[in-house]
Amino acid sequence: MPSTYTTISDDRWDAIALKTLGSEMYVTQLMQANRQYLRYYAFPDGVVLALPEITVDEDAELPAWRRG
């Protein structure tokens, strides 16, 4: 996976998280990795965002009673 993403006009945080990280659930991590751009709701062309490293906790997919 690339470690950066260059925005296109009207990109939004949630759409970028879905497109680059696989889920809108990672929008918080994406925003934390790019605090200098928090003023944007919709991005212009050409903003280079750092993509955070996402680790998947396989136990998180299990119900609480099945986690080790």
C-alpha atoms as a PDB file:
ATOM      1  CA  MET A   1       0.000   0.000   0.000  1.00  0.00           C
ATOM      2  CA  PRO A   2       1.363   3.463  -0.823  1.00  0.00           C
ATOM      3  CA  SER A   3       2.208   5.632   2.164  1.00  0.00           C
ATOM      4  CA  THR A   4       0.765   8.833   0.675  1.00  0.00           C
ATOM      5  CA  TYR A   5      -2.322   9.891  -1.237  1.00  0.00           C
ATOM      6  CA  THR A   6      -2.617  12.956  -3.456  1.00  0.00           C
ATOM      7  CA  THR A   7      -6.074  14.486  -3.344  1.00  0.00           C
ATOM      8  CA  ILE A   8      -8.303  15.347  -6.247  1.00  0.00           C
ATOM      9  CA  SER A   9     -10.802  18.200  -6.195  1.00  0.00           C
ATOM     10  CA  ASP A  10     -13.658  17.680  -3.708  1.00  0.00           C
ATOM     11  CA  ASP A  11     -12.103  14.639  -1.989  1.00  0.00           C
ATOM     12  CA  ARG A  12     -13.410  14.344   1.583  1.00  0.00           C
ATOM     13  CA  TRP A  13     -11.894  12.674   4.627  1.00  0.00           C
ATOM     14  CA  ASP A  14     -14.320   9.755   4.738  1.00  0.00           C
ATOM     15  CA  ALA A  15     -14.047   9.019   1.017  1.00  0.00           C
ATOM     16  CA  ILE A  16     -10.243   9.110   1.202  1.00  0.00           C
ATOM     17  CA  ALA A  17     -10.245   6.700   4.166  1.00  0.00           C
ATOM     18  CA  LEU A  18     -12.520   4.310   2.271  1.00  0.00           C
ATOM     19  CA  LYS A  19     -10.524   4.545  -0.965  1.00  0.00           C
ATOM     20  CA  THR A  20      -7.054   4.235   0.569  1.00  0.00           C
ATOM     21  CA  LEU A  21      -7.501   2.347   3.847  1.00  0.00           C
ATOM     22  CA  GLY A  22     -10.524   0.209   3.042  1.00  0.00           C
ATOM     23  CA  SER A  23     -13.080   1.674   5.456  1.00  0.00           C
ATOM     24  CA  GLU A  24     -14.538   4.961   6.622  1.00  0.00           C
ATOM     25  CA  MET A  25     -13.873   3.671  10.146  1.00  0.00           C
ATOM     26  CA  TYR A  26     -10.246   4.776   9.737  1.00  0.00           C
ATOM     27  CA  VAL A  27     -11.078   8.451   9.174  1.00  0.00           C
ATOM     28  CA  THR A  28      -9.910   9.388  12.694  1.00  0.00           C
ATOM     29  CA  GLN A  29      -6.485   7.786  12.154  1.00  0.00           C
ATOM     30  CA  LEU A  30      -6.204   9.493   8.759  1.00  0.00           C
ATOM     31  CA  MET A  31      -7.035  12.881  10.272  1.00  0.00           C
ATOM     32  CA  GLN A  32      -4.599  12.370  13.161  1.00  0.00           C
ATOM     33  CA  ALA A  33      -1.818  11.592  10.669  1.00  0.00           C
ATOM     34  CA  ASN A  34      -2.570  14.829   8.789  1.00  0.00           C
ATOM     35  CA  ARG A  35      -3.396  17.393  11.466  1.00  0.00           C
ATOM     36  CA  GLN A  36      -2.054  20.249   9.351  1.00  0.00           C
ATOM     37  CA  TYR A  37      -4.999  19.756   6.939  1.00  0.00           C
ATOM     38  CA  LEU A  38      -7.846  19.574   9.450  1.00  0.00           C
ATOM     39  CA  ARG A  39      -9.182  22.899   8.170  1.00  0.00           C
ATOM     40  CA  TYR A  40     -10.308  21.137   4.993  1.00  0.00           C
ATOM     41  CA  TYR A  41     -13.707  19.545   4.619  1.00  0.00           C
ATOM     42  CA  ALA A  42     -13.410  19.157   0.841  1.00  0.00           C
ATOM     43  CA  PHE A  43      -9.863  19.093  -0.520  1.00  0.00           C
ATOM     44  CA  PRO A  44      -8.468  20.912  -3.542  1.00  0.00           C
ATOM     45  CA  ASP A  45      -6.300  19.109  -6.096  1.00  0.00           C
ATOM     46  CA  GLY A  46      -2.784  18.161  -5.132  1.00  0.00           C
ATOM     47  CA  VAL A  47      -2.705  17.927  -1.321  1.00  0.00           C
ATOM     48  CA  VAL A  48      -0.397  15.063  -0.339  1.00  0.00           C
ATOM     49  CA  LEU A  49      -1.709  13.190   2.690  1.00  0.00           C
ATOM     50  CA  ALA A  50       0.253  10.706   4.778  1.00  0.00           C
ATOM     51  CA  LEU A  51      -1.533   7.374   5.123  1.00  0.00           C
ATOM     52  CA  PRO A  52      -1.347   5.842   8.603  1.00  0.00           C
ATOM     53  CA  GLU A  53      -0.287   2.264   9.188  1.00  0.00           C
ATOM     54  CA  ILE A  54      -3.439   0.302   9.963  1.00  0.00           C
ATOM     55  CA  THR A  55      -3.132  -2.904  11.939  1.00  0.00           C
ATOM     56  CA  VAL A  56      -6.078  -5.220  12.159  1.00  0.00           C
ATOM     57  CA  ASP A  57      -6.787  -6.873  15.492  1.00  0.00           C
ATOM     58  CA  GLU A  58      -8.334 -10.174  14.482  1.00  0.00           C
ATOM     59  CA  ASP A  59      -9.756 -10.630  17.985  1.00  0.00           C
ATOM     60  CA  ALA A  60     -11.748  -7.425  17.533  1.00  0.00           C
ATOM     61  CA  GLU A  61     -13.861  -9.265  14.963  1.00  0.00           C
ATOM     62  CA  LEU A  62     -14.894 -11.851  17.553  1.00  0.00           C
ATOM     63  CA  PRO A  63     -17.658 -11.387  20.111  1.00  0.00           C
ATOM     64  CA  ALA A  64     -16.354 -10.373  23.551  1.00  0.00           C
ATOM     65  CA  TRP A  65     -16.977 -13.824  25.035  1.00  0.00           C
ATOM     66  CA  ARG A  66     -14.788 -15.489  22.344  1.00  0.00           C
ATOM     67  CA  ARG A  67     -11.749 -13.188  22.657  1.00  0.00           C
ATOM     68  CA  GLY A  68      -8.662 -14.726  24.166  1.00  0.00           C
END
